[in-house]
Every structure is written in structure tokens, then in C-alpha cells.
Amino acid sequence: MKSLRTWINPLGAAALALTMLTALTAPTTPAWGQTRPGGPQPSSAQAAPSQAANRADGQSSELFVAVTRDNASAVTRLLERGMDPNVRDAKGQTPMVLALQLGSLRAFDALMASARTNVEFRNAHDESPLMIAAIRGHRDAVVRLERQGAHVNKPLWTPLHYAAAGTSDEQVRITDFLLEKHAFIDAQSPNGTTPLMMAAQYGTEGVVRLLMESDADPLMKNQLGLTAVDFAKRAGRERLAQELARYEEHVRQRRMQGSPTPPAAPLQ
């Protein structure tokens, strides 16, 4: 199994990582594979789009092009002309999420400057801007989004899952920030995956260490009965798997004694 570092791509980093993880760990389809934005899709018997709708689609395309090119002035101009920043393209992508995936941070700034931008507007994969900022290592964007009302906790996959899967130098700080903002440390995805499991297979040792220090539960299992130790082994991270196994035993013993779990020992 290749690591997220090998598979990652700028147009679908988080979705790709989590789709791969789902294929490995559960037979179920993620929530984003079961729903489509906007309700039922139109049938061929329905009326053709109006000219007004075609014009709107054209403006949307211009906005996505501007975001892709990180052209902040073009983004601002389109928004001033009345373009809705909360739109999806044909693939269900949103301007804000695309900007963060591509690292188009000037375009992101322009979108954030609009009072009409909904920081919780998600793409067709149920990914919020905060989730993508977290996995891509855009710490400043993470902080700004949270201050603007982005949800740190949500059903199914969470920003903390995504932060735990990232590989940038900012992942520890981002994860720590989310925990300070009361991110649920043992949040479970549809197949029972926790942030600690994500970090064990895809993330940095620093994030694994932080999650252990913050009392992440190493005894939790996903739908196939796999723990964080198993996730580390699947990724060929034997040293990390051994440390997680020691932490797991440490937690198990403390619980048997009815004592609180103190912070884990440093990685060896």
C-alpha cells in the first residue's frame, strides 16, 4: 500500500486518500458516494436549460478558471458583478475548496473577502473548506476559516481526520489548533475510522504523538476490527506500529486499574 505522499494530487488530495482508505477498511461507500448536490439529477425528458442558466454557468466557469489561475483580481471582479461564490461545477467542486486544493491562496483571500461566501459550503464529496485547508497544511487558512464560523466538528469525516492524514510541516500545529477548538479526538467515519488511525497510516509521527498525548483511544476498532496499530502495519510503518502497540497496552492496563491515562511516552 502506497502512502498518501505518493498518491496525493492537487485536485483531489483528501477525497483520494479517504476513498483509498475506505476501499481498504470497509465495504461501505462514503457518504459523498451516496448523495448528489441539488437533489435528483434531471432526466433527458426534462426541459433544456434556459439562456439565463447558460449565462450563469458561463460565469461560474469564469470563476473556476480565475481560481485555478490564482487570479485574485478576476475573482473579485466576478464577485462584484454578482457571481455567487457558493456554486459547484459539473464535478461538484466549489471555488473555495478548489482554491485550497490548488494552493491558490490569493484567490482564497478574494473569496474570503466577500460577505456572501459561505465558509461551510461543501463540495459533492461533503468536504468543507476547513477539511481541505487542514489536509493541505494551510494553517493560516484553517485559523481564518474557524474564526469565520467553519465547523470544527461534523458528522462522518471531520477536519481532524483530514488534518491527521496530511504530511506538511504544519500538520502538528493544525491538529493542535483543532483540538484546542474542541475537535472530537475519537470521531468516527462511516466505517469507524478515527483520526489516530488516519495518522498511523498516512500522517506524520508528530501528529500521532500529539494525538497520543491528547488521549486518543488506541483501542477503538473500525468495522473490520482494525486498530491504529493495524493501520500503521498496513503502511509498513513498523517502528510506529510498535510504539502504538506499547501505547495501546499502556492504556489497557490503566483502564483495568481504573486510573486516568497519563500522556504517552515519547517515540523511541
Protein backbone atom coordinates (compact mmCIF):
# COMPACT_ATOMS: atom_id res chain seq x y z
CA MET A 1 0.00 0.00 0.00
CA LYS A 2 1.49 3.32 -1.03
CA SER A 3 1.47 6.22 1.36
CA LEU A 4 -0.59 9.35 0.88
CA ARG A 5 2.62 11.16 -0.10
CA THR A 6 2.79 9.04 -3.25
CA TRP A 7 -0.87 9.20 -4.19
CA ILE A 8 -1.62 12.79 -3.30
CA ASN A 9 -2.61 15.17 -6.12
CA PRO A 10 -3.66 18.82 -6.02
CA LEU A 11 -7.15 18.31 -7.40
CA GLY A 12 -8.39 15.67 -5.00
CA ALA A 13 -5.94 15.02 -2.21
CA ALA A 14 -8.33 14.34 0.60
CA ALA A 15 -11.02 12.60 -1.42
CA LEU A 16 -8.42 10.31 -2.97
CA ALA A 17 -6.84 9.44 0.36
CA LEU A 18 -10.14 8.69 2.03
CA THR A 19 -11.51 6.75 -0.94
CA MET A 20 -8.40 4.55 -0.82
CA LEU A 21 -8.77 4.13 2.92
CA THR A 22 -12.42 3.15 2.57
CA ALA A 23 -11.53 0.53 -0.01
CA LEU A 24 -9.04 -0.98 2.42
CA THR A 25 -11.11 -0.88 5.57
CA ALA A 26 -14.80 -1.31 4.86
CA PRO A 27 -17.21 -2.48 2.17
CA THR A 28 -19.40 0.59 2.58
CA THR A 29 -19.48 3.63 0.33
CA PRO A 30 -18.60 7.03 1.86
CA ALA A 31 -21.45 9.48 2.26
CA TRP A 32 -20.29 11.50 -0.73
CA GLY A 33 -20.80 8.44 -2.97
CA GLN A 34 -24.42 8.15 -1.94
CA THR A 35 -25.68 11.69 -2.45
CA ARG A 36 -25.59 14.32 -5.14
CA PRO A 37 -25.87 18.05 -4.58
CA GLY A 38 -29.09 19.72 -5.52
CA GLY A 39 -31.34 16.67 -5.23
CA PRO A 40 -32.31 14.30 -8.06
CA GLN A 41 -30.49 14.71 -11.35
CA PRO A 42 -32.58 15.88 -14.33
CA SER A 43 -33.76 13.25 -16.76
CA SER A 44 -33.42 13.53 -20.53
CA ALA A 45 -37.16 14.24 -20.71
CA GLN A 46 -36.82 17.46 -18.75
CA ALA A 47 -36.67 20.83 -20.43
CA ALA A 48 -33.35 22.15 -21.73
CA PRO A 49 -31.59 24.78 -19.57
CA SER A 50 -32.71 28.34 -20.12
CA GLN A 51 -30.47 31.03 -21.64
CA ALA A 52 -30.23 32.62 -18.19
CA ALA A 53 -28.98 29.33 -16.76
CA ASN A 54 -26.43 29.05 -19.55
CA ARG A 55 -25.16 32.55 -18.77
CA ALA A 56 -24.89 31.64 -15.09
CA ASP A 57 -22.94 28.51 -15.99
CA GLY A 58 -20.60 30.61 -18.08
CA GLN A 59 -19.96 32.98 -15.20
CA SER A 60 -19.35 30.02 -12.90
CA SER A 61 -16.79 28.67 -15.34
CA GLU A 62 -15.04 32.04 -15.35
CA LEU A 63 -14.86 31.95 -11.57
CA PHE A 64 -13.33 28.48 -11.52
CA VAL A 65 -10.80 29.50 -14.16
CA ALA A 66 -9.85 32.55 -12.10
CA VAL A 67 -9.42 30.37 -9.01
CA THR A 68 -7.33 27.84 -10.93
CA ARG A 69 -5.05 30.64 -12.12
CA ASP A 70 -4.96 32.18 -8.63
CA ASN A 71 -6.16 35.44 -10.19
CA ALA A 72 -7.49 37.36 -7.19
CA SER A 73 -8.45 40.46 -9.18
CA ALA A 74 -10.55 38.38 -11.58
CA VAL A 75 -12.24 36.62 -8.66
CA THR A 76 -13.03 39.96 -7.03
CA ARG A 77 -14.34 41.41 -10.29
CA LEU A 78 -16.66 38.45 -10.87
CA LEU A 79 -18.00 38.63 -7.33
CA GLU A 80 -18.60 42.36 -7.66
CA ARG A 81 -20.60 41.63 -10.82
CA GLY A 82 -22.89 39.41 -8.77
CA MET A 83 -21.30 35.99 -9.24
CA ASP A 84 -22.34 33.63 -6.44
CA PRO A 85 -19.23 32.32 -4.63
CA ASN A 86 -21.25 29.36 -3.37
CA VAL A 87 -21.56 27.34 -6.57
CA ARG A 88 -20.48 23.91 -7.75
CA ASP A 89 -19.03 23.00 -11.10
CA ALA A 90 -20.04 19.97 -13.17
CA LYS A 91 -17.92 17.74 -10.94
CA GLY A 92 -19.45 19.11 -7.75
CA GLN A 93 -16.40 21.17 -6.83
CA THR A 94 -16.63 24.58 -5.14
CA PRO A 95 -14.43 27.65 -5.69
CA MET A 96 -13.25 27.77 -2.07
CA VAL A 97 -12.34 24.09 -1.88
CA LEU A 98 -10.62 24.24 -5.27
CA ALA A 99 -8.56 27.25 -4.20
CA LEU A 100 -7.33 25.41 -1.12
CA GLN A 101 -6.61 22.19 -3.01
CA LEU A 102 -4.53 24.05 -5.58
CA GLY A 103 -2.87 26.39 -3.12
CA SER A 104 -4.46 29.37 -4.89
CA LEU A 105 -4.27 31.41 -1.73
CA ARG A 106 -4.70 34.83 -3.37
CA ALA A 107 -7.96 33.57 -4.86
CA PHE A 108 -8.86 32.18 -1.45
CA ASP A 109 -8.28 35.63 0.08
CA ALA A 110 -10.56 37.19 -2.53
CA LEU A 111 -13.31 34.67 -1.81
CA MET A 112 -12.96 35.20 1.93
CA ALA A 113 -13.29 38.95 1.43
CA SER A 114 -16.82 38.50 0.08
CA ALA A 115 -19.58 38.77 2.67
CA ARG A 116 -21.59 36.30 0.57
CA THR A 117 -19.06 33.46 0.88
CA ASN A 118 -20.35 30.58 2.98
CA VAL A 119 -17.32 29.02 4.68
CA GLU A 120 -19.30 25.81 5.25
CA PHE A 121 -20.35 25.35 1.62
CA ARG A 122 -19.17 21.84 0.76
CA ASN A 123 -18.37 20.03 -2.44
CA ALA A 124 -20.08 16.89 -3.71
CA HIS A 125 -17.79 14.77 -1.50
CA ASP A 126 -19.08 16.55 1.61
CA GLU A 127 -15.66 18.19 2.00
CA SER A 128 -15.67 21.62 3.63
CA PRO A 129 -13.02 24.28 3.02
CA LEU A 130 -11.70 23.67 6.54
CA MET A 131 -11.15 19.99 5.78
CA ILE A 132 -9.11 20.75 2.67
CA ALA A 133 -7.14 23.52 4.37
CA ALA A 134 -6.33 21.03 7.13
CA ILE A 135 -5.03 18.24 4.90
CA ARG A 136 -3.10 20.60 2.61
CA GLY A 137 -1.28 22.25 5.51
CA HIS A 138 -2.70 25.77 5.07
CA ARG A 139 -2.60 26.70 8.74
CA ASP A 140 -3.45 30.39 8.29
CA ALA A 141 -6.49 29.40 6.24
CA VAL A 142 -7.53 26.91 8.94
CA VAL A 143 -7.42 29.65 11.59
CA ARG A 144 -9.29 32.16 9.43
CA LEU A 145 -12.00 29.70 8.45
CA GLU A 146 -12.60 28.68 12.05
CA ARG A 147 -12.84 32.32 13.10
CA GLN A 148 -15.38 32.89 10.34
CA GLY A 149 -17.59 30.11 11.68
CA ALA A 150 -16.36 26.96 9.93
CA HIS A 151 -17.41 23.84 11.80
CA VAL A 152 -14.59 22.01 13.57
CA ASN A 153 -16.87 19.02 14.15
CA LYS A 154 -19.29 17.46 11.67
CA PRO A 155 -20.85 14.05 11.04
CA LEU A 156 -18.86 11.39 9.17
CA TRP A 157 -15.40 12.56 8.03
CA THR A 158 -14.16 15.56 10.01
CA PRO A 159 -11.48 18.25 9.67
CA LEU A 160 -9.46 16.36 12.30
CA HIS A 161 -9.45 13.20 10.15
CA TYR A 162 -8.08 15.28 7.29
CA ALA A 163 -5.51 17.09 9.43
CA ALA A 164 -4.30 13.72 10.73
CA ALA A 165 -3.78 12.45 7.17
CA GLY A 166 -1.72 15.42 6.00
CA THR A 167 2.05 15.36 5.57
CA SER A 168 3.08 19.02 5.64
CA ASP A 169 5.33 20.62 8.24
CA GLU A 170 2.24 22.40 9.61
CA GLN A 171 0.21 19.29 10.45
CA VAL A 172 1.07 19.20 14.15
CA ARG A 173 0.15 22.86 14.61
CA ILE A 174 -3.07 22.43 12.63
CA THR A 175 -4.06 19.33 14.59
CA ASP A 176 -3.25 21.07 17.86
CA PHE A 177 -5.35 24.08 16.83
CA LEU A 178 -8.35 21.89 16.00
CA LEU A 179 -8.04 20.08 19.32
CA GLU A 180 -7.89 23.42 21.13
CA LYS A 181 -11.14 24.30 19.36
CA HIS A 182 -12.72 21.13 20.79
CA ALA A 183 -12.44 18.83 17.80
CA PHE A 184 -13.67 15.39 18.89
CA ILE A 185 -10.46 13.39 19.06
CA ASP A 186 -12.08 9.98 18.54
CA ALA A 187 -14.51 10.97 15.78
CA GLN A 188 -15.53 8.01 13.63
CA SER A 189 -16.03 7.99 9.87
CA PRO A 190 -18.80 5.88 8.30
CA ASN A 191 -16.53 2.82 8.51
CA GLY A 192 -15.34 3.57 12.04
CA THR A 193 -12.00 5.14 11.14
CA THR A 194 -10.60 7.56 13.73
CA PRO A 195 -8.08 10.39 13.34
CA LEU A 196 -5.45 8.27 15.13
CA MET A 197 -5.92 5.54 12.51
CA MET A 198 -5.53 8.11 9.73
CA ALA A 199 -2.37 9.49 11.28
CA ALA A 200 -0.97 6.00 11.81
CA GLN A 201 -1.26 5.13 8.12
CA TYR A 202 -0.86 8.45 6.33
CA GLY A 203 0.20 11.22 8.68
CA THR A 204 3.33 12.36 10.45
CA GLU A 205 4.79 10.83 13.58
CA GLY A 206 4.40 14.23 15.20
CA VAL A 207 0.64 14.11 14.75
CA VAL A 208 0.49 10.54 16.05
CA ARG A 209 2.46 11.70 19.08
CA LEU A 210 0.16 14.68 19.65
CA LEU A 211 -2.95 12.50 19.43
CA MET A 212 -1.49 10.06 21.94
CA GLU A 213 -0.57 12.90 24.31
CA SER A 214 -4.14 14.16 23.94
CA ASP A 215 -5.56 10.76 24.99
CA ALA A 216 -6.76 9.46 21.64
CA ASP A 217 -8.22 6.00 22.15
CA PRO A 218 -5.90 3.35 20.61
CA LEU A 219 -8.29 0.51 21.47
CA MET A 220 -11.01 1.64 19.08
CA LYS A 221 -11.61 -0.55 16.03
CA ASN A 222 -13.16 0.13 12.66
CA GLN A 223 -15.83 -2.03 11.05
CA LEU A 224 -13.26 -4.67 10.10
CA GLY A 225 -11.84 -4.81 13.60
CA LEU A 226 -8.66 -2.89 12.76
CA THR A 227 -6.92 -0.60 15.26
CA ALA A 228 -4.40 2.19 14.76
CA VAL A 229 -1.65 -0.40 15.19
CA ASP A 230 -3.05 -2.34 12.23
CA PHE A 231 -3.20 0.82 10.13
CA ALA A 232 0.47 1.54 10.82
CA LYS A 233 1.40 -2.03 9.89
CA ARG A 234 -0.53 -1.79 6.62
CA ALA A 235 1.58 1.23 5.73
CA GLY A 236 4.81 -0.60 6.55
CA ARG A 237 5.49 1.73 9.47
CA GLU A 238 6.82 -0.93 11.82
CA ARG A 239 8.54 1.37 14.31
CA LEU A 240 5.39 3.45 14.64
CA ALA A 241 3.28 0.30 14.95
CA GLN A 242 5.47 -0.88 17.82
CA GLU A 243 5.13 2.43 19.63
CA LEU A 244 1.37 2.43 19.13
CA ALA A 245 1.24 -1.13 20.47
CA ARG A 246 3.06 -0.01 23.63
CA TYR A 247 0.66 2.90 23.99
CA GLU A 248 -2.28 0.54 23.45
CA GLU A 249 -1.06 -1.79 26.20
CA HIS A 250 -0.39 1.19 28.47
CA VAL A 251 -3.97 2.42 28.02
CA ARG A 252 -5.40 -1.06 28.50
CA GLN A 253 -3.52 -1.53 31.78
CA ARG A 254 -4.53 1.87 33.11
CA ARG A 255 -8.18 1.16 32.34
CA MET A 256 -8.02 -2.19 34.07
CA GLN A 257 -6.70 -0.36 37.13
CA GLY A 258 -9.45 2.23 36.86
CA SER A 259 -6.92 5.06 36.56
CA PRO A 260 -6.82 8.03 34.17
CA THR A 261 -4.48 7.58 31.23
CA PRO A 262 -1.38 9.80 31.54
CA PRO A 263 0.42 11.11 28.44
CA ALA A 264 2.22 8.53 26.33
CA ALA A 265 5.98 8.11 26.40
CA PRO A 266 7.98 9.68 23.54
CA LEU A 267 8.51 7.73 20.35
CA GLN A 268 11.63 5.57 20.56
